[in-house]
Amino acid sequence: MTGEPIARVTNVSHRYGATVSLADVSIDIPSRIMVGVIGPDGVGKSTLLGLIAGVKKIQHGEVVVFGKSIADQETLREMRGRIAYMPQGLGRNLYPTLSVFENIDFFGRLFGLSATERRSKI
């Protein structure tokens, strides 16, 4: 790995009521490689990814993506177009009659991407 990580999570903790989802987690996610997050149900994988994507509010710790803290709402708004996030429960988030390509193309259209941009990103 060279350079700064694409995402850096430092001392992050997250709770749902009395349930601890993440406890003082720190991880650097390198750029330009594919990373998988695996583990049994309930260990905080989805919470971690939701925090990195900026769709969950940081309760404790720091999350830096593209070199900027996403705790800052203006920075988060600027970055949202650069972060792709599909939460669990795919049946609720994708159209089952469309192919994977067609689903991504559809959402790219919603975000105003041209046909050329959509093809290159897909």
PDB file of N, CA and C in Angstrom:
ATOM      1  N   MET A   1       0.847  -1.178   0.000  1.00  0.00           N
ATOM      2  CA  MET A   1       0.000   0.000   0.000  1.00  0.00           C
ATOM      3  C   MET A   1       0.886   1.231   0.000  1.00  0.00           C
ATOM      4  N   THR A   2       0.521   2.182  -0.830  1.00  0.00           N
ATOM      5  CA  THR A   2       1.241   3.442  -0.857  1.00  0.00           C
ATOM      6  C   THR A   2       0.263   4.582  -0.640  1.00  0.00           C
ATOM      7  N   GLY A   3       0.754   5.645  -0.047  1.00  0.00           N
ATOM      8  CA  GLY A   3      -0.092   6.819   0.147  1.00  0.00           C
ATOM      9  C   GLY A   3      -1.076   6.665   1.289  1.00  0.00           C
ATOM     10  N   GLU A   4      -1.942   7.648   1.373  1.00  0.00           N
ATOM     11  CA  GLU A   4      -2.949   7.688   2.425  1.00  0.00           C
ATOM     12  C   GLU A   4      -4.056   6.673   2.164  1.00  0.00           C
ATOM     13  N   PRO A   5      -4.640   6.131   3.220  1.00  0.00           N
ATOM     14  CA  PRO A   5      -5.787   5.227   3.025  1.00  0.00           C
ATOM     15  C   PRO A   5      -6.983   5.994   2.467  1.00  0.00           C
ATOM     16  N   ILE A   6      -7.852   5.302   1.779  1.00  0.00           N
ATOM     17  CA  ILE A   6      -9.065   5.916   1.241  1.00  0.00           C
ATOM     18  C   ILE A   6     -10.042   6.233   2.380  1.00  0.00           C
ATOM     19  N   ALA A   7      -9.986   5.402   3.428  1.00  0.00           N
ATOM     20  CA  ALA A   7     -10.811   5.637   4.622  1.00  0.00           C
ATOM     21  C   ALA A   7     -10.010   5.266   5.859  1.00  0.00           C
ATOM     22  N   ARG A   8     -10.164   6.072   6.883  1.00  0.00           N
ATOM     23  CA  ARG A   8      -9.485   5.816   8.168  1.00  0.00           C
ATOM     24  C   ARG A   8     -10.531   5.951   9.277  1.00  0.00           C
ATOM     25  N   VAL A   9     -10.692   4.884  10.022  1.00  0.00           N
ATOM     26  CA  VAL A   9     -11.621   4.847  11.150  1.00  0.00           C
ATOM     27  C   VAL A   9     -10.756   4.772  12.406  1.00  0.00           C
ATOM     28  N   THR A  10     -10.965   5.712  13.329  1.00  0.00           N
ATOM     29  CA  THR A  10     -10.115   5.782  14.512  1.00  0.00           C
ATOM     30  C   THR A  10     -10.957   5.814  15.782  1.00  0.00           C
ATOM     31  N   ASN A  11     -10.769   4.804  16.621  1.00  0.00           N
ATOM     32  CA  ASN A  11     -11.423   4.714  17.935  1.00  0.00           C
ATOM     33  C   ASN A  11     -12.934   4.921  17.855  1.00  0.00           C
ATOM     34  N   VAL A  12     -13.570   4.264  16.897  1.00  0.00           N
ATOM     35  CA  VAL A  12     -15.012   4.424  16.696  1.00  0.00           C
ATOM     36  C   VAL A  12     -15.783   3.423  17.550  1.00  0.00           C
ATOM     37  N   SER A  13     -16.768   3.935  18.249  1.00  0.00           N
ATOM     38  CA  SER A  13     -17.704   3.111  19.009  1.00  0.00           C
ATOM     39  C   SER A  13     -19.115   3.512  18.605  1.00  0.00           C
ATOM     40  N   HIS A  14     -20.003   2.529  18.560  1.00  0.00           N
ATOM     41  CA  HIS A  14     -21.384   2.795  18.154  1.00  0.00           C
ATOM     42  C   HIS A  14     -22.302   1.847  18.912  1.00  0.00           C
ATOM     43  N   ARG A  15     -23.416   2.399  19.393  1.00  0.00           N
ATOM     44  CA  ARG A  15     -24.384   1.614  20.169  1.00  0.00           C
ATOM     45  C   ARG A  15     -25.774   1.777  19.579  1.00  0.00           C
ATOM     46  N   TYR A  16     -26.556   0.742  19.758  1.00  0.00           N
ATOM     47  CA  TYR A  16     -27.994   0.790  19.497  1.00  0.00           C
ATOM     48  C   TYR A  16     -28.649   0.508  20.835  1.00  0.00           C
ATOM     49  N   GLY A  17     -28.988   1.570  21.553  1.00  0.00           N
ATOM     50  CA  GLY A  17     -29.498   1.396  22.915  1.00  0.00           C
ATOM     51  C   GLY A  17     -28.411   0.789  23.786  1.00  0.00           C
ATOM     52  N   ALA A  18     -28.729  -0.317  24.440  1.00  0.00           N
ATOM     53  CA  ALA A  18     -27.748  -0.986  25.306  1.00  0.00           C
ATOM     54  C   ALA A  18     -26.813  -1.906  24.522  1.00  0.00           C
ATOM     55  N   THR A  19     -27.101  -2.129  23.248  1.00  0.00           N
ATOM     56  CA  THR A  19     -26.305  -3.055  22.437  1.00  0.00           C
ATOM     57  C   THR A  19     -25.117  -2.337  21.809  1.00  0.00           C
ATOM     58  N   VAL A  20     -23.922  -2.858  22.081  1.00  0.00           N
ATOM     59  CA  VAL A  20     -22.704  -2.305  21.499  1.00  0.00           C
ATOM     60  C   VAL A  20     -22.492  -2.956  20.138  1.00  0.00           C
ATOM     61  N   SER A  21     -22.441  -2.131  19.106  1.00  0.00           N
ATOM     62  CA  SER A  21     -22.204  -2.634  17.749  1.00  0.00           C
ATOM     63  C   SER A  21     -20.722  -2.576  17.403  1.00  0.00           C
ATOM     64  N   LEU A  22     -20.075  -1.484  17.734  1.00  0.00           N
ATOM     65  CA  LEU A  22     -18.642  -1.320  17.534  1.00  0.00           C
ATOM     66  C   LEU A  22     -18.043  -0.773  18.816  1.00  0.00           C
ATOM     67  N   ALA A  23     -16.898  -1.301  19.217  1.00  0.00           N
ATOM     68  CA  ALA A  23     -16.254  -0.867  20.455  1.00  0.00           C
ATOM     69  C   ALA A  23     -14.807  -0.492  20.173  1.00  0.00           C
ATOM     70  N   ASP A  24     -14.548   0.803  20.093  1.00  0.00           N
ATOM     71  CA  ASP A  24     -13.200   1.337  19.942  1.00  0.00           C
ATOM     72  C   ASP A  24     -12.466   0.727  18.741  1.00  0.00           C
ATOM     73  N   VAL A  25     -13.111   0.751  17.584  1.00  0.00           N
ATOM     74  CA  VAL A  25     -12.564   0.147  16.364  1.00  0.00           C
ATOM     75  C   VAL A  25     -11.694   1.162  15.625  1.00  0.00           C
ATOM     76  N   SER A  26     -10.525   0.705  15.189  1.00  0.00           N
ATOM     77  CA  SER A  26      -9.642   1.507  14.346  1.00  0.00           C
ATOM     78  C   SER A  26      -9.213   0.647  13.170  1.00  0.00           C
ATOM     79  N   ILE A  27      -9.313   1.208  11.969  1.00  0.00           N
ATOM     80  CA  ILE A  27      -8.915   0.484  10.766  1.00  0.00           C
ATOM     81  C   ILE A  27      -8.608   1.484   9.662  1.00  0.00           C
ATOM     82  N   ASP A  28      -7.575   1.189   8.897  1.00  0.00           N
ATOM     83  CA  ASP A  28      -7.267   1.950   7.692  1.00  0.00           C
ATOM     84  C   ASP A  28      -7.651   1.086   6.505  1.00  0.00           C
ATOM     85  N   ILE A  29      -8.379   1.658   5.564  1.00  0.00           N
ATOM     86  CA  ILE A  29      -8.761   0.937   4.352  1.00  0.00           C
ATOM     87  C   ILE A  29      -7.941   1.527   3.212  1.00  0.00           C
ATOM     88  N   PRO A  30      -7.049   0.714   2.630  1.00  0.00           N
ATOM     89  CA  PRO A  30      -6.166   1.239   1.587  1.00  0.00           C
ATOM     90  C   PRO A  30      -6.913   1.565   0.303  1.00  0.00           C
ATOM     91  N   SER A  31      -6.351   2.474  -0.463  1.00  0.00           N
ATOM     92  CA  SER A  31      -6.945   2.829  -1.758  1.00  0.00           C
ATOM     93  C   SER A  31      -6.482   1.847  -2.829  1.00  0.00           C
ATOM     94  N   ARG A  32      -7.248   1.799  -3.914  1.00  0.00           N
ATOM     95  CA  ARG A  32      -6.914   1.046  -5.121  1.00  0.00           C
ATOM     96  C   ARG A  32      -6.872  -0.467  -4.951  1.00  0.00           C
ATOM     97  N   ILE A  33      -7.559  -0.991  -3.939  1.00  0.00           N
ATOM     98  CA  ILE A  33      -7.695  -2.435  -3.808  1.00  0.00           C
ATOM     99  C   ILE A  33      -9.114  -2.743  -3.350  1.00  0.00           C
ATOM    100  N   MET A  34      -9.540  -3.968  -3.565  1.00  0.00           N
ATOM    101  CA  MET A  34     -10.854  -4.386  -3.098  1.00  0.00           C
ATOM    102  C   MET A  34     -10.703  -4.924  -1.673  1.00  0.00           C
ATOM    103  N   VAL A  35     -11.617  -4.529  -0.816  1.00  0.00           N
ATOM    104  CA  VAL A  35     -11.583  -4.948   0.580  1.00  0.00           C
ATOM    105  C   VAL A  35     -12.904  -5.609   0.918  1.00  0.00           C
ATOM    106  N   GLY A  36     -12.860  -6.732   1.586  1.00  0.00           N
ATOM    107  CA  GLY A  36     -14.071  -7.395   2.047  1.00  0.00           C
ATOM    108  C   GLY A  36     -14.169  -7.306   3.557  1.00  0.00           C
ATOM    109  N   VAL A  37     -15.369  -7.132   4.049  1.00  0.00           N
ATOM    110  CA  VAL A  37     -15.616  -7.114   5.492  1.00  0.00           C
ATOM    111  C   VAL A  37     -16.478  -8.336   5.784  1.00  0.00           C
ATOM    112  N   ILE A  38     -15.921  -9.289   6.499  1.00  0.00           N
ATOM    113  CA  ILE A  38     -16.636 -10.533   6.755  1.00  0.00           C
ATOM    114  C   ILE A  38     -16.734 -10.801   8.251  1.00  0.00           C
ATOM    115  N   GLY A  39     -17.738 -11.566   8.619  1.00  0.00           N
ATOM    116  CA  GLY A  39     -17.924 -11.939  10.014  1.00  0.00           C
ATOM    117  C   GLY A  39     -19.357 -12.347  10.236  1.00  0.00           C
ATOM    118  N   PRO A  40     -19.626 -12.911  11.401  1.00  0.00           N
ATOM    119  CA  PRO A  40     -20.983 -13.367  11.693  1.00  0.00           C
ATOM    120  C   PRO A  40     -21.959 -12.208  11.861  1.00  0.00           C
ATOM    121  N   ASP A  41     -23.240 -12.530  11.825  1.00  0.00           N
ATOM    122  CA  ASP A  41     -24.281 -11.525  12.028  1.00  0.00           C
ATOM    123  C   ASP A  41     -24.081 -10.815  13.364  1.00  0.00           C
ATOM    124  N   GLY A  42     -24.330  -9.521  13.342  1.00  0.00           N
ATOM    125  CA  GLY A  42     -24.350  -8.759  14.585  1.00  0.00           C
ATOM    126  C   GLY A  42     -23.019  -8.254  15.095  1.00  0.00           C
ATOM    127  N   VAL A  43     -21.947  -8.367  14.298  1.00  0.00           N
ATOM    128  CA  VAL A  43     -20.653  -7.914  14.806  1.00  0.00           C
ATOM    129  C   VAL A  43     -20.302  -6.478  14.401  1.00  0.00           C
ATOM    130  N   GLY A  44     -21.183  -5.816  13.630  1.00  0.00           N
ATOM    131  CA  GLY A  44     -20.967  -4.414  13.318  1.00  0.00           C
ATOM    132  C   GLY A  44     -20.475  -4.119  11.912  1.00  0.00           C
ATOM    133  N   LYS A  45     -20.491  -5.105  11.016  1.00  0.00           N
ATOM    134  CA  LYS A  45     -20.022  -4.880   9.641  1.00  0.00           C
ATOM    135  C   LYS A  45     -20.839  -3.786   8.952  1.00  0.00           C
ATOM    136  N   SER A  46     -22.143  -3.911   8.982  1.00  0.00           N
ATOM    137  CA  SER A  46     -23.011  -2.923   8.320  1.00  0.00           C
ATOM    138  C   SER A  46     -22.902  -1.561   8.985  1.00  0.00           C
ATOM    139  N   THR A  47     -22.783  -1.541  10.281  1.00  0.00           N
ATOM    140  CA  THR A  47     -22.618  -0.276  10.991  1.00  0.00           C
ATOM    141  C   THR A  47     -21.326   0.403  10.568  1.00  0.00           C
ATOM    142  N   LEU A  48     -20.233  -0.350  10.504  1.00  0.00           N
ATOM    143  CA  LEU A  48     -18.948   0.194  10.085  1.00  0.00           C
ATOM    144  C   LEU A  48     -19.042   0.792   8.680  1.00  0.00           C
ATOM    145  N   LEU A  49     -19.619   0.040   7.749  1.00  0.00           N
ATOM    146  CA  LEU A  49     -19.737   0.537   6.372  1.00  0.00           C
ATOM    147  C   LEU A  49     -20.668   1.739   6.279  1.00  0.00           C
ATOM    148  N   GLY A  50     -21.748   1.735   7.066  1.00  0.00           N
ATOM    149  CA  GLY A  50     -22.657   2.880   7.092  1.00  0.00           C
ATOM    150  C   GLY A  50     -21.985   4.136   7.622  1.00  0.00           C
ATOM    151  N   LEU A  51     -21.115   3.984   8.603  1.00  0.00           N
ATOM    152  CA  LEU A  51     -20.377   5.130   9.134  1.00  0.00           C
ATOM    153  C   LEU A  51     -19.399   5.669   8.095  1.00  0.00           C
ATOM    154  N   ILE A  52     -18.693   4.777   7.405  1.00  0.00           N
ATOM    155  CA  ILE A  52     -17.738   5.204   6.379  1.00  0.00           C
ATOM    156  C   ILE A  52     -18.462   5.889   5.220  1.00  0.00           C
ATOM    157  N   ALA A  53     -19.639   5.381   4.864  1.00  0.00           N
ATOM    158  CA  ALA A  53     -20.414   5.973   3.766  1.00  0.00           C
ATOM    159  C   ALA A  53     -21.101   7.269   4.180  1.00  0.00           C
ATOM    160  N   GLY A  54     -21.135   7.541   5.468  1.00  0.00           N
ATOM    161  CA  GLY A  54     -21.744   8.780   5.938  1.00  0.00           C
ATOM    162  C   GLY A  54     -23.244   8.716   6.103  1.00  0.00           C
ATOM    163  N   VAL A  55     -23.822   7.514   6.106  1.00  0.00           N
ATOM    164  CA  VAL A  55     -25.267   7.399   6.273  1.00  0.00           C
ATOM    165  C   VAL A  55     -25.656   7.143   7.729  1.00  0.00           C
ATOM    166  N   LYS A  56     -24.668   6.889   8.573  1.00  0.00           N
ATOM    167  CA  LYS A  56     -24.905   6.765  10.012  1.00  0.00           C
ATOM    168  C   LYS A  56     -24.115   7.859  10.717  1.00  0.00           C
ATOM    169  N   LYS A  57     -24.701   8.415  11.748  1.00  0.00           N
ATOM    170  CA  LYS A  57     -24.056   9.489  12.507  1.00  0.00           C
ATOM    171  C   LYS A  57     -22.983   8.900  13.423  1.00  0.00           C
ATOM    172  N   ILE A  58     -21.825   9.529  13.425  1.00  0.00           N
ATOM    173  CA  ILE A  58     -20.721   9.087  14.272  1.00  0.00           C
ATOM    174  C   ILE A  58     -21.054   9.418  15.719  1.00  0.00           C
ATOM    175  N   GLN A  59     -21.053   8.411  16.574  1.00  0.00           N
ATOM    176  CA  GLN A  59     -21.334   8.627  17.996  1.00  0.00           C
ATOM    177  C   GLN A  59     -20.054   8.909  18.775  1.00  0.00           C
ATOM    178  N   HIS A  60     -18.986   8.155  18.458  1.00  0.00           N
ATOM    179  CA  HIS A  60     -17.713   8.340  19.154  1.00  0.00           C
ATOM    180  C   HIS A  60     -16.580   7.940  18.224  1.00  0.00           C
ATOM    181  N   GLY A  61     -15.540   8.751  18.179  1.00  0.00           N
ATOM    182  CA  GLY A  61     -14.385   8.463  17.347  1.00  0.00           C
ATOM    183  C   GLY A  61     -14.362   9.334  16.112  1.00  0.00           C
ATOM    184  N   GLU A  62     -13.519   8.957  15.161  1.00  0.00           N
ATOM    185  CA  GLU A  62     -13.349   9.770  13.959  1.00  0.00           C
ATOM    186  C   GLU A  62     -13.367   8.881  12.720  1.00  0.00           C
ATOM    187  N   VAL A  63     -14.028   9.372  11.664  1.00  0.00           N
ATOM    188  CA  VAL A  63     -14.058   8.703  10.368  1.00  0.00           C
ATOM    189  C   VAL A  63     -13.595   9.718   9.330  1.00  0.00           C
ATOM    190  N   VAL A  64     -12.510   9.362   8.631  1.00  0.00           N
ATOM    191  CA  VAL A  64     -11.937  10.223   7.597  1.00  0.00           C
ATOM    192  C   VAL A  64     -12.003   9.463   6.282  1.00  0.00           C
ATOM    193  N   VAL A  65     -12.604  10.089   5.271  1.00  0.00           N
ATOM    194  CA  VAL A  65     -12.729   9.500   3.939  1.00  0.00           C
ATOM    195  C   VAL A  65     -12.186  10.507   2.935  1.00  0.00           C
ATOM    196  N   PHE A  66     -11.371  10.040   2.002  1.00  0.00           N
ATOM    197  CA  PHE A  66     -10.725  10.917   1.017  1.00  0.00           C
ATOM    198  C   PHE A  66      -9.945  12.035   1.714  1.00  0.00           C
ATOM    199  N   GLY A  67      -9.385  11.732   2.890  1.00  0.00           N
ATOM    200  CA  GLY A  67      -8.557  12.692   3.606  1.00  0.00           C
ATOM    201  C   GLY A  67      -9.305  13.753   4.386  1.00  0.00           C
ATOM    202  N   LYS A  68     -10.652  13.628   4.470  1.00  0.00           N
ATOM    203  CA  LYS A  68     -11.441  14.640   5.179  1.00  0.00           C
ATOM    204  C   LYS A  68     -12.389  13.975   6.169  1.00  0.00           C
ATOM    205  N   SER A  69     -12.590  14.634   7.301  1.00  0.00           N
ATOM    206  CA  SER A  69     -13.512  14.119   8.304  1.00  0.00           C
ATOM    207  C   SER A  69     -14.942  14.227   7.806  1.00  0.00           C
ATOM    208  N   ILE A  70     -15.688  13.130   7.896  1.00  0.00           N
ATOM    209  CA  ILE A  70     -17.077  13.191   7.453  1.00  0.00           C
ATOM    210  C   ILE A  70     -18.011  13.635   8.576  1.00  0.00           C
ATOM    211  N   ALA A  71     -17.444  14.003   9.720  1.00  0.00           N
ATOM    212  CA  ALA A  71     -18.270  14.572  10.782  1.00  0.00           C
ATOM    213  C   ALA A  71     -18.768  15.961  10.380  1.00  0.00           C
ATOM    214  N   ASP A  72     -18.018  16.620   9.504  1.00  0.00           N
ATOM    215  CA  ASP A  72     -18.404  17.934   9.007  1.00  0.00           C
ATOM    216  C   ASP A  72     -19.466  17.760   7.920  1.00  0.00           C
ATOM    217  N   GLN A  73     -20.649  18.308   8.127  1.00  0.00           N
ATOM    218  CA  GLN A  73     -21.780  18.091   7.221  1.00  0.00           C
ATOM    219  C   GLN A  73     -21.538  18.640   5.814  1.00  0.00           C
ATOM    220  N   GLU A  74     -20.855  19.767   5.695  1.00  0.00           N
ATOM    221  CA  GLU A  74     -20.583  20.302   4.358  1.00  0.00           C
ATOM    222  C   GLU A  74     -19.623  19.394   3.601  1.00  0.00           C
ATOM    223  N   THR A  75     -18.591  18.917   4.269  1.00  0.00           N
ATOM    224  CA  THR A  75     -17.660  17.972   3.645  1.00  0.00           C
ATOM    225  C   THR A  75     -18.401  16.710   3.236  1.00  0.00           C
ATOM    226  N   LEU A  76     -19.278  16.219   4.090  1.00  0.00           N
ATOM    227  CA  LEU A  76     -20.048  15.009   3.789  1.00  0.00           C
ATOM    228  C   LEU A  76     -20.920  15.221   2.550  1.00  0.00           C
ATOM    229  N   ARG A  77     -21.574  16.356   2.448  1.00  0.00           N
ATOM    230  CA  ARG A  77     -22.397  16.642   1.266  1.00  0.00           C
ATOM    231  C   ARG A  77     -21.554  16.643  -0.006  1.00  0.00           C
ATOM    232  N   GLU A  78     -20.357  17.211   0.064  1.00  0.00           N
ATOM    233  CA  GLU A  78     -19.466  17.241  -1.097  1.00  0.00           C
ATOM    234  C   GLU A  78     -19.036  15.838  -1.521  1.00  0.00           C
ATOM    235  N   MET A  79     -18.852  14.950  -0.569  1.00  0.00           N
ATOM    236  CA  MET A  79     -18.335  13.611  -0.846  1.00  0.00           C
ATOM    237  C   MET A  79     -19.402  12.601  -1.245  1.00  0.00           C
ATOM    238  N   ARG A  80     -20.646  12.858  -0.941  1.00  0.00           N
ATOM    239  CA  ARG A  80     -21.694  11.858  -1.158  1.00  0.00           C
ATOM    240  C   ARG A  80     -21.725  11.307  -2.582  1.00  0.00           C
ATOM    241  N   GLY A  81     -21.425  12.132  -3.565  1.00  0.00           N
ATOM    242  CA  GLY A  81     -21.421  11.663  -4.945  1.00  0.00           C
ATOM    243  C   GLY A  81     -20.251  10.758  -5.283  1.00  0.00           C
ATOM    244  N   ARG A  82     -19.274  10.673  -4.393  1.00  0.00           N
ATOM    245  CA  ARG A  82     -18.095   9.838  -4.624  1.00  0.00           C
ATOM    246  C   ARG A  82     -18.155   8.520  -3.871  1.00  0.00           C
ATOM    247  N   ILE A  83     -19.161   8.338  -3.023  1.00  0.00           N
ATOM    248  CA  ILE A  83     -19.252   7.131  -2.203  1.00  0.00           C
ATOM    249  C   ILE A  83     -20.441   6.301  -2.665  1.00  0.00           C
ATOM    250  N   ALA A  84     -20.183   5.072  -3.039  1.00  0.00           N
ATOM    251  CA  ALA A  84     -21.257   4.146  -3.415  1.00  0.00           C
ATOM    252  C   ALA A  84     -21.515   3.223  -2.236  1.00  0.00           C
ATOM    253  N   TYR A  85     -22.759   3.124  -1.828  1.00  0.00           N
ATOM    254  CA  TYR A  85     -23.109   2.320  -0.657  1.00  0.00           C
ATOM    255  C   TYR A  85     -24.443   1.643  -0.897  1.00  0.00           C
ATOM    256  N   MET A  86     -24.472   0.331  -0.762  1.00  0.00           N
ATOM    257  CA  MET A  86     -25.709  -0.432  -0.889  1.00  0.00           C
ATOM    258  C   MET A  86     -25.893  -1.195   0.422  1.00  0.00           C
ATOM    259  N   PRO A  87     -26.825  -0.767   1.261  1.00  0.00           N
ATOM    260  CA  PRO A  87     -27.022  -1.451   2.538  1.00  0.00           C
ATOM    261  C   PRO A  87     -27.603  -2.848   2.353  1.00  0.00           C
ATOM    262  N   GLN A  88     -27.515  -3.631   3.424  1.00  0.00           N
ATOM    263  CA  GLN A  88     -28.065  -4.986   3.362  1.00  0.00           C
ATOM    264  C   GLN A  88     -29.561  -4.931   3.111  1.00  0.00           C
ATOM    265  N   GLY A  89     -30.120  -6.037   2.714  1.00  0.00           N
ATOM    266  CA  GLY A  89     -31.532  -6.074   2.369  1.00  0.00           C
ATOM    267  C   GLY A  89     -31.721  -5.711   0.914  1.00  0.00           C
ATOM    268  N   LEU A  90     -30.907  -6.319   0.038  1.00  0.00           N
ATOM    269  CA  LEU A  90     -30.904  -5.929  -1.369  1.00  0.00           C
ATOM    270  C   LEU A  90     -32.282  -5.961  -2.003  1.00  0.00           C
ATOM    271  N   GLY A  91     -33.130  -6.868  -1.586  1.00  0.00           N
ATOM    272  CA  GLY A  91     -34.465  -6.941  -2.166  1.00  0.00           C
ATOM    273  C   GLY A  91     -35.273  -5.676  -1.960  1.00  0.00           C
ATOM    274  N   ARG A  92     -34.929  -4.902  -0.947  1.00  0.00           N
ATOM    275  CA  ARG A  92     -35.632  -3.642  -0.685  1.00  0.00           C
ATOM    276  C   ARG A  92     -34.991  -2.474  -1.427  1.00  0.00           C
ATOM    277  N   ASN A  93     -33.794  -2.663  -1.962  1.00  0.00           N
ATOM    278  CA  ASN A  93     -33.060  -1.552  -2.553  1.00  0.00           C
ATOM    279  C   ASN A  93     -32.850  -1.666  -4.062  1.00  0.00           C
ATOM    280  N   LEU A  94     -33.060  -2.849  -4.607  1.00  0.00           N
ATOM    281  CA  LEU A  94     -32.878  -3.057  -6.040  1.00  0.00           C
ATOM    282  C   LEU A  94     -34.192  -3.486  -6.668  1.00  0.00           C
ATOM    283  N   TYR A  95     -34.295  -3.282  -7.964  1.00  0.00           N
ATOM    284  CA  TYR A  95     -35.475  -3.725  -8.693  1.00  0.00           C
ATOM    285  C   TYR A  95     -35.207  -5.126  -9.232  1.00  0.00           C
ATOM    286  N   PRO A  96     -35.972  -6.123  -8.784  1.00  0.00           N
ATOM    287  CA  PRO A  96     -35.674  -7.516  -9.150  1.00  0.00           C
ATOM    288  C   PRO A  96     -35.853  -7.828 -10.637  1.00  0.00           C
ATOM    289  N   THR A  97     -36.598  -7.006 -11.364  1.00  0.00           N
ATOM    290  CA  THR A  97     -36.803  -7.264 -12.792  1.00  0.00           C
ATOM    291  C   THR A  97     -35.678  -6.685 -13.646  1.00  0.00           C
ATOM    292  N   LEU A  98     -34.764  -5.919 -13.025  1.00  0.00           N
ATOM    293  CA  LEU A  98     -33.641  -5.328 -13.753  1.00  0.00           C
ATOM    294  C   LEU A  98     -32.366  -6.105 -13.464  1.00  0.00           C
ATOM    295  N   SER A  99     -31.454  -6.116 -14.428  1.00  0.00           N
ATOM    296  CA  SER A  99     -30.136  -6.718 -14.214  1.00  0.00           C
ATOM    297  C   SER A  99     -29.330  -5.818 -13.276  1.00  0.00           C
ATOM    298  N   VAL A 100     -28.172  -6.297 -12.833  1.00  0.00           N
ATOM    299  CA  VAL A 100     -27.296  -5.475 -11.999  1.00  0.00           C
ATOM    300  C   VAL A 100     -26.925  -4.196 -12.751  1.00  0.00           C
ATOM    301  N   PHE A 101     -26.524  -4.348 -14.020  1.00  0.00           N
ATOM    302  CA  PHE A 101     -26.175  -3.187 -14.842  1.00  0.00           C
ATOM    303  C   PHE A 101     -27.336  -2.191 -14.899  1.00  0.00           C
ATOM    304  N   GLU A 102     -28.536  -2.703 -15.163  1.00  0.00           N
ATOM    305  CA  GLU A 102     -29.706  -1.824 -15.298  1.00  0.00           C
ATOM    306  C   GLU A 102     -30.039  -1.114 -13.982  1.00  0.00           C
ATOM    307  N   ASN A 103     -29.890  -1.801 -12.855  1.00  0.00           N
ATOM    308  CA  ASN A 103     -30.123  -1.162 -11.563  1.00  0.00           C
ATOM    309  C   ASN A 103     -29.141  -0.022 -11.335  1.00  0.00           C
ATOM    310  N   ILE A 104     -27.872  -0.263 -11.583  1.00  0.00           N
ATOM    311  CA  ILE A 104     -26.866   0.778 -11.366  1.00  0.00           C
ATOM    312  C   ILE A 104     -27.080   1.926 -12.349  1.00  0.00           C
ATOM    313  N   ASP A 105     -27.387   1.595 -13.582  1.00  0.00           N
ATOM    314  CA  ASP A 105     -27.659   2.611 -14.597  1.00  0.00           C
ATOM    315  C   ASP A 105     -28.846   3.489 -14.171  1.00  0.00           C
ATOM    316  N   PHE A 106     -29.889   2.858 -13.655  1.00  0.00           N
ATOM    317  CA  PHE A 106     -31.079   3.590 -13.210  1.00  0.00           C
ATOM    318  C   PHE A 106     -30.712   4.622 -12.142  1.00  0.00           C
ATOM    319  N   PHE A 107     -29.964   4.182 -11.128  1.00  0.00           N
ATOM    320  CA  PHE A 107     -29.618   5.109 -10.052  1.00  0.00           C
ATOM    321  C   PHE A 107     -28.622   6.168 -10.520  1.00  0.00           C
ATOM    322  N   GLY A 108     -27.760   5.815 -11.477  1.00  0.00           N
ATOM    323  CA  GLY A 108     -26.874   6.817 -12.067  1.00  0.00           C
ATOM    324  C   GLY A 108     -27.658   7.913 -12.759  1.00  0.00           C
ATOM    325  N   ARG A 109     -28.745   7.523 -13.429  1.00  0.00           N
ATOM    326  CA  ARG A 109     -29.618   8.519 -14.079  1.00  0.00           C
ATOM    327  C   ARG A 109     -30.247   9.438 -13.032  1.00  0.00           C
ATOM    328  N   LEU A 110     -30.669   8.855 -11.906  1.00  0.00           N
ATOM    329  CA  LEU A 110     -31.276   9.671 -10.843  1.00  0.00           C
ATOM    330  C   LEU A 110     -30.315  10.732 -10.322  1.00  0.00           C
ATOM    331  N   PHE A 111     -29.014  10.390 -10.338  1.00  0.00           N
ATOM    332  CA  PHE A 111     -28.011  11.336  -9.854  1.00  0.00           C
ATOM    333  C   PHE A 111     -27.479  12.228 -10.972  1.00  0.00           C
ATOM    334  N   GLY A 112     -28.113  12.170 -12.157  1.00  0.00           N
ATOM    335  CA  GLY A 112     -27.785  13.090 -13.229  1.00  0.00           C
ATOM    336  C   GLY A 112     -26.539  12.770 -14.027  1.00  0.00           C
ATOM    337  N   LEU A 113     -26.057  11.522 -13.964  1.00  0.00           N
ATOM    338  CA  LEU A 113     -24.882  11.159 -14.746  1.00  0.00           C
ATOM    339  C   LEU A 113     -25.262  10.976 -16.210  1.00  0.00           C
ATOM    340  N   SER A 114     -24.399  11.426 -17.097  1.00  0.00           N
ATOM    341  CA  SER A 114     -24.637  11.237 -18.523  1.00  0.00           C
ATOM    342  C   SER A 114     -24.451   9.759 -18.871  1.00  0.00           C
ATOM    343  N   ALA A 115     -24.904   9.371 -20.057  1.00  0.00           N
ATOM    344  CA  ALA A 115     -24.761   7.973 -20.503  1.00  0.00           C
ATOM    345  C   ALA A 115     -23.288   7.559 -20.516  1.00  0.00           C
ATOM    346  N   THR A 116     -22.417   8.452 -20.964  1.00  0.00           N
ATOM    347  CA  THR A 116     -20.987   8.153 -21.015  1.00  0.00           C
ATOM    348  C   THR A 116     -20.426   7.951 -19.609  1.00  0.00           C
ATOM    349  N   GLU A 117     -20.788   8.844 -18.682  1.00  0.00           N
ATOM    350  CA  GLU A 117     -20.332   8.707 -17.293  1.00  0.00           C
ATOM    351  C   GLU A 117     -20.831   7.409 -16.677  1.00  0.00           C
ATOM    352  N   ARG A 118     -22.099   7.094 -16.897  1.00  0.00           N
ATOM    353  CA  ARG A 118     -22.669   5.862 -16.327  1.00  0.00           C
ATOM    354  C   ARG A 118     -21.935   4.633 -16.848  1.00  0.00           C
ATOM    355  N   ARG A 119     -21.715   4.571 -18.151  1.00  0.00           N
ATOM    356  CA  ARG A 119     -21.025   3.411 -18.724  1.00  0.00           C
ATOM    357  C   ARG A 119     -19.618   3.270 -18.148  1.00  0.00           C
ATOM    358  N   SER A 120     -18.891   4.368 -18.017  1.00  0.00           N
ATOM    359  CA  SER A 120     -17.518   4.288 -17.520  1.00  0.00           C
ATOM    360  C   SER A 120     -17.464   3.900 -16.052  1.00  0.00           C
ATOM    361  N   LYS A 121     -18.441   4.346 -15.272  1.00  0.00           N
ATOM    362  CA  LYS A 121     -18.457   4.033 -13.841  1.00  0.00           C
ATOM    363  C   LYS A 121     -18.977   2.616 -13.576  1.00  0.00           C
ATOM    364  N   ILE A 122     -19.944   2.163 -14.367  1.00  0.00           N
ATOM    365  CA  ILE A 122     -20.493   0.832 -14.175  1.00  0.00           C
ATOM    366  C   ILE A 122     -19.446  -0.195 -14.549  1.00  0.00           C
TER     367      ILE A 122
END
